[in-house]
Amino acid sequence: MIKANSERTYEDGYRSLGYLFYSIAGCDRSIVRSEIEALKRMVEEHWMVHDQNYDELGIRSARYIDVAFDAAFEQGLSSKAAYLLFEQDQLREPHRFDGWTKSLILKTAVEIAKASGSVNSSEAARIGDLQKLLGTVHA
C-alpha cells in the first residue's frame, strides 16, 4: 500500500489521495453526488479492505481519503489546487506507491470520472496527467 517514511505518515499519504480524488471529481467545475458516492464506495470496497492500519486515535488510515476530500469540498478548493497538492507530495516522494497501489489509484480515479455518466475531456486529461506523474505511461 502506502509507504511511510520518518517524516510522513500513512495518513499523510491518504490525505494526499483525498486531494487527488477531489481534483478528479471537480475538474469539470462541479462535483455531483454520484462522484462522491463512487469515491465512498471505492474507499469502502478497496482501500479499507486492503489497509487495516489505524492512527493513534483509532481511525482507519484509509479514512483520511474521505477526510481530505470532504475538507477540500467544504473549503471550495479548486480542482487545480487540489491536484497540485497531490503532485507536490508525489514529486517529493516518487516511490511512495507500489505498482498495485498505483493501479488502485488509477482505478479509483476512473470510477469517480465515470460516475456522472461518462469521462469528459477535462477528467480524461487529468487522468492522463496522473498516469504520467505515477509513471504508469511514458510521456
C-alpha atoms as a PDB file:
ATOM      1  CA  MET A   1       0.000   0.000   0.000  1.00  0.00           C
ATOM      2  CA  ILE A   2       1.378   3.368   1.013  1.00  0.00           C
ATOM      3  CA  LYS A   3       4.898   3.552   2.358  1.00  0.00           C
ATOM      4  CA  ALA A   4       5.527   5.862   5.301  1.00  0.00           C
ATOM      5  CA  ASN A   5       8.890   7.424   5.939  1.00  0.00           C
ATOM      6  CA  SER A   6      10.247   9.087   9.055  1.00  0.00           C
ATOM      7  CA  GLU A   7       8.658  12.445   8.241  1.00  0.00           C
ATOM      8  CA  ARG A   8       5.371  11.393   6.631  1.00  0.00           C
ATOM      9  CA  THR A   9       2.717   9.018   7.899  1.00  0.00           C
ATOM     10  CA  TYR A  10       0.267   6.671   6.223  1.00  0.00           C
ATOM     11  CA  GLU A  11      -2.393   9.257   6.971  1.00  0.00           C
ATOM     12  CA  ASP A  12      -0.442  11.911   5.037  1.00  0.00           C
ATOM     13  CA  GLY A  13      -0.399   9.627   2.012  1.00  0.00           C
ATOM     14  CA  TYR A  14      -4.121   9.008   2.216  1.00  0.00           C
ATOM     15  CA  ARG A  15      -4.822  12.701   2.768  1.00  0.00           C
ATOM     16  CA  SER A  16      -2.876  13.415  -0.416  1.00  0.00           C
ATOM     17  CA  LEU A  17      -5.013  10.859  -2.270  1.00  0.00           C
ATOM     18  CA  GLY A  18      -8.161  12.570  -0.989  1.00  0.00           C
ATOM     19  CA  TYR A  19      -6.994  15.771  -2.657  1.00  0.00           C
ATOM     20  CA  LEU A  20      -6.230  13.882  -5.857  1.00  0.00           C
ATOM     21  CA  PHE A  21      -9.664  12.276  -5.995  1.00  0.00           C
ATOM     22  CA  TYR A  22     -11.311  15.615  -5.227  1.00  0.00           C
ATOM     23  CA  SER A  23      -9.401  17.099  -8.175  1.00  0.00           C
ATOM     24  CA  ILE A  24     -10.718  14.359 -10.473  1.00  0.00           C
ATOM     25  CA  ALA A  25     -14.307  14.908  -9.333  1.00  0.00           C
ATOM     26  CA  GLY A  26     -14.022  18.675  -9.618  1.00  0.00           C
ATOM     27  CA  CYS A  27     -12.028  19.143 -12.795  1.00  0.00           C
ATOM     28  CA  ASP A  28     -15.225  19.845 -14.732  1.00  0.00           C
ATOM     29  CA  ARG A  29     -16.017  22.581 -12.160  1.00  0.00           C
ATOM     30  CA  SER A  30     -18.805  20.685 -10.431  1.00  0.00           C
ATOM     31  CA  ILE A  31     -18.902  17.759  -8.054  1.00  0.00           C
ATOM     32  CA  VAL A  32     -22.054  15.685  -8.200  1.00  0.00           C
ATOM     33  CA  ARG A  33     -23.428  13.213  -5.681  1.00  0.00           C
ATOM     34  CA  SER A  34     -22.623  10.214  -7.905  1.00  0.00           C
ATOM     35  CA  GLU A  35     -18.911  11.144  -7.880  1.00  0.00           C
ATOM     36  CA  ILE A  36     -18.888  11.397  -4.089  1.00  0.00           C
ATOM     37  CA  GLU A  37     -20.711   8.064  -3.853  1.00  0.00           C
ATOM     38  CA  ALA A  38     -18.185   6.468  -6.226  1.00  0.00           C
ATOM     39  CA  LEU A  39     -15.336   7.678  -4.034  1.00  0.00           C
ATOM     40  CA  LYS A  40     -17.003   6.420  -0.847  1.00  0.00           C
ATOM     41  CA  ARG A  41     -17.699   3.038  -2.483  1.00  0.00           C
ATOM     42  CA  MET A  42     -14.088   2.661  -3.672  1.00  0.00           C
ATOM     43  CA  VAL A  43     -12.748   3.572  -0.230  1.00  0.00           C
ATOM     44  CA  GLU A  44     -15.046   1.026   1.451  1.00  0.00           C
ATOM     45  CA  GLU A  45     -14.625  -1.803  -1.070  1.00  0.00           C
ATOM     46  CA  HIS A  46     -10.936  -1.459  -1.862  1.00  0.00           C
ATOM     47  CA  TRP A  47      -8.864   0.944   0.230  1.00  0.00           C
ATOM     48  CA  MET A  48     -10.318  -0.088   3.604  1.00  0.00           C
ATOM     49  CA  VAL A  49     -10.192  -3.788   2.746  1.00  0.00           C
ATOM     50  CA  HIS A  50      -6.503  -3.713   1.823  1.00  0.00           C
ATOM     51  CA  ASP A  51      -5.233  -1.488   4.613  1.00  0.00           C
ATOM     52  CA  GLN A  52      -6.073  -2.422   8.177  1.00  0.00           C
ATOM     53  CA  ASN A  53      -3.900   0.286   9.805  1.00  0.00           C
ATOM     54  CA  TYR A  54      -5.287   2.683  12.410  1.00  0.00           C
ATOM     55  CA  ASP A  55      -3.948   6.013  13.605  1.00  0.00           C
ATOM     56  CA  GLU A  56      -3.292   6.859  17.249  1.00  0.00           C
ATOM     57  CA  LEU A  57      -6.944   7.950  17.651  1.00  0.00           C
ATOM     58  CA  GLY A  58      -8.285   4.636  16.367  1.00  0.00           C
ATOM     59  CA  ILE A  59      -9.287   5.968  12.948  1.00  0.00           C
ATOM     60  CA  ARG A  60      -8.665   3.719   9.964  1.00  0.00           C
ATOM     61  CA  SER A  61      -5.808   5.236   7.975  1.00  0.00           C
ATOM     62  CA  ALA A  62      -7.633   4.908   4.640  1.00  0.00           C
ATOM     63  CA  ARG A  63     -10.456   7.084   6.042  1.00  0.00           C
ATOM     64  CA  TYR A  64      -8.145  10.053   5.546  1.00  0.00           C
ATOM     65  CA  ILE A  65      -9.021   9.855   1.848  1.00  0.00           C
ATOM     66  CA  ASP A  66     -12.609  10.804   2.767  1.00  0.00           C
ATOM     67  CA  VAL A  67     -11.487  13.364   5.327  1.00  0.00           C
ATOM     68  CA  ALA A  68      -9.303  15.263   2.847  1.00  0.00           C
ATOM     69  CA  PHE A  69     -11.881  15.034   0.050  1.00  0.00           C
ATOM     70  CA  ASP A  70     -14.583  16.425   2.350  1.00  0.00           C
ATOM     71  CA  ALA A  71     -12.288  19.177   3.656  1.00  0.00           C
ATOM     72  CA  ALA A  72     -11.380  20.259   0.115  1.00  0.00           C
ATOM     73  CA  PHE A  73     -15.069  20.305  -0.791  1.00  0.00           C
ATOM     74  CA  GLU A  74     -16.018  22.352   2.270  1.00  0.00           C
ATOM     75  CA  GLN A  75     -13.194  24.816   1.616  1.00  0.00           C
ATOM     76  CA  GLY A  76     -14.166  25.180  -2.036  1.00  0.00           C
ATOM     77  CA  LEU A  77     -10.632  24.263  -3.071  1.00  0.00           C
ATOM     78  CA  SER A  78     -10.133  24.441  -6.815  1.00  0.00           C
ATOM     79  CA  SER A  79      -9.533  21.208  -8.679  1.00  0.00           C
ATOM     80  CA  LYS A  80      -6.190  22.512  -9.902  1.00  0.00           C
ATOM     81  CA  ALA A  81      -5.041  23.459  -6.392  1.00  0.00           C
ATOM     82  CA  ALA A  82      -6.048  20.046  -5.065  1.00  0.00           C
ATOM     83  CA  TYR A  83      -4.143  18.295  -7.845  1.00  0.00           C
ATOM     84  CA  LEU A  84      -1.076  20.447  -7.175  1.00  0.00           C
ATOM     85  CA  LEU A  85      -1.114  19.338  -3.513  1.00  0.00           C
ATOM     86  CA  PHE A  86      -1.054  15.712  -4.627  1.00  0.00           C
ATOM     87  CA  GLU A  87       1.539  16.388  -7.328  1.00  0.00           C
ATOM     88  CA  GLN A  88       3.894  18.122  -4.869  1.00  0.00           C
ATOM     89  CA  ASP A  89       3.633  15.181  -2.472  1.00  0.00           C
ATOM     90  CA  GLN A  90       4.269  12.712  -5.274  1.00  0.00           C
ATOM     91  CA  LEU A  91       7.275  14.606  -6.593  1.00  0.00           C
ATOM     92  CA  ARG A  92       8.671  14.820  -3.056  1.00  0.00           C
ATOM     93  CA  GLU A  93       8.240  11.043  -2.581  1.00  0.00           C
ATOM     94  CA  PRO A  94       8.129   9.401  -6.025  1.00  0.00           C
ATOM     95  CA  HIS A  95       8.465   5.853  -4.647  1.00  0.00           C
ATOM     96  CA  ARG A  96       5.685   6.152  -2.072  1.00  0.00           C
ATOM     97  CA  PHE A  97       3.289   3.907  -4.024  1.00  0.00           C
ATOM     98  CA  ASP A  98       3.933   0.371  -5.201  1.00  0.00           C
ATOM     99  CA  GLY A  99       2.576  -0.903  -8.528  1.00  0.00           C
ATOM    100  CA  TRP A 100      -0.569  -2.379  -7.013  1.00  0.00           C
ATOM    101  CA  THR A 101      -1.400   0.897  -5.248  1.00  0.00           C
ATOM    102  CA  LYS A 102      -0.796   2.920  -8.405  1.00  0.00           C
ATOM    103  CA  SER A 103      -3.242   0.636 -10.192  1.00  0.00           C
ATOM    104  CA  LEU A 104      -5.848   1.169  -7.460  1.00  0.00           C
ATOM    105  CA  ILE A 105      -5.288   4.937  -7.583  1.00  0.00           C
ATOM    106  CA  LEU A 106      -5.998   4.938 -11.318  1.00  0.00           C
ATOM    107  CA  LYS A 107      -8.991   2.611 -10.925  1.00  0.00           C
ATOM    108  CA  THR A 108     -10.450   4.914  -8.268  1.00  0.00           C
ATOM    109  CA  ALA A 109      -9.857   7.996 -10.427  1.00  0.00           C
ATOM    110  CA  VAL A 110     -11.597   6.380 -13.408  1.00  0.00           C
ATOM    111  CA  GLU A 111     -14.546   5.228 -11.287  1.00  0.00           C
ATOM    112  CA  ILE A 112     -15.025   8.779  -9.989  1.00  0.00           C
ATOM    113  CA  ALA A 113     -14.787  10.201 -13.517  1.00  0.00           C
ATOM    114  CA  LYS A 114     -17.265   7.638 -14.907  1.00  0.00           C
ATOM    115  CA  ALA A 115     -19.739   8.165 -12.069  1.00  0.00           C
ATOM    116  CA  SER A 116     -21.537  11.066 -13.742  1.00  0.00           C
ATOM    117  CA  GLY A 117     -22.173   9.093 -16.912  1.00  0.00           C
ATOM    118  CA  SER A 118     -19.015   9.266 -18.977  1.00  0.00           C
ATOM    119  CA  VAL A 119     -15.475  10.533 -18.665  1.00  0.00           C
ATOM    120  CA  ASN A 120     -15.339  14.072 -20.058  1.00  0.00           C
ATOM    121  CA  SER A 121     -12.303  15.659 -21.696  1.00  0.00           C
ATOM    122  CA  SER A 122     -11.103  17.507 -18.573  1.00  0.00           C
ATOM    123  CA  GLU A 123     -11.310  14.315 -16.500  1.00  0.00           C
ATOM    124  CA  ALA A 124      -9.522  12.332 -19.220  1.00  0.00           C
ATOM    125  CA  ALA A 125      -6.748  14.946 -19.350  1.00  0.00           C
ATOM    126  CA  ARG A 126      -6.349  14.896 -15.555  1.00  0.00           C
ATOM    127  CA  ILE A 127      -6.188  11.092 -15.545  1.00  0.00           C
ATOM    128  CA  GLY A 128      -3.574  11.258 -18.319  1.00  0.00           C
ATOM    129  CA  ASP A 129      -1.531  13.694 -16.223  1.00  0.00           C
ATOM    130  CA  LEU A 130      -1.886  11.339 -13.266  1.00  0.00           C
ATOM    131  CA  GLN A 131      -0.646   8.374 -15.304  1.00  0.00           C
ATOM    132  CA  LYS A 132       2.441  10.346 -16.319  1.00  0.00           C
ATOM    133  CA  LEU A 133       3.058  11.516 -12.768  1.00  0.00           C
ATOM    134  CA  LEU A 134       2.811   7.963 -11.412  1.00  0.00           C
ATOM    135  CA  GLY A 135       4.997   6.641 -14.207  1.00  0.00           C
ATOM    136  CA  THR A 136       2.357   4.239 -15.498  1.00  0.00           C
ATOM    137  CA  VAL A 137       2.670   5.551 -19.068  1.00  0.00           C
ATOM    138  CA  HIS A 138       5.583   7.006 -20.956  1.00  0.00           C
ATOM    139  CA  ALA A 139       5.415  10.760 -21.518  1.00  0.00           C
END
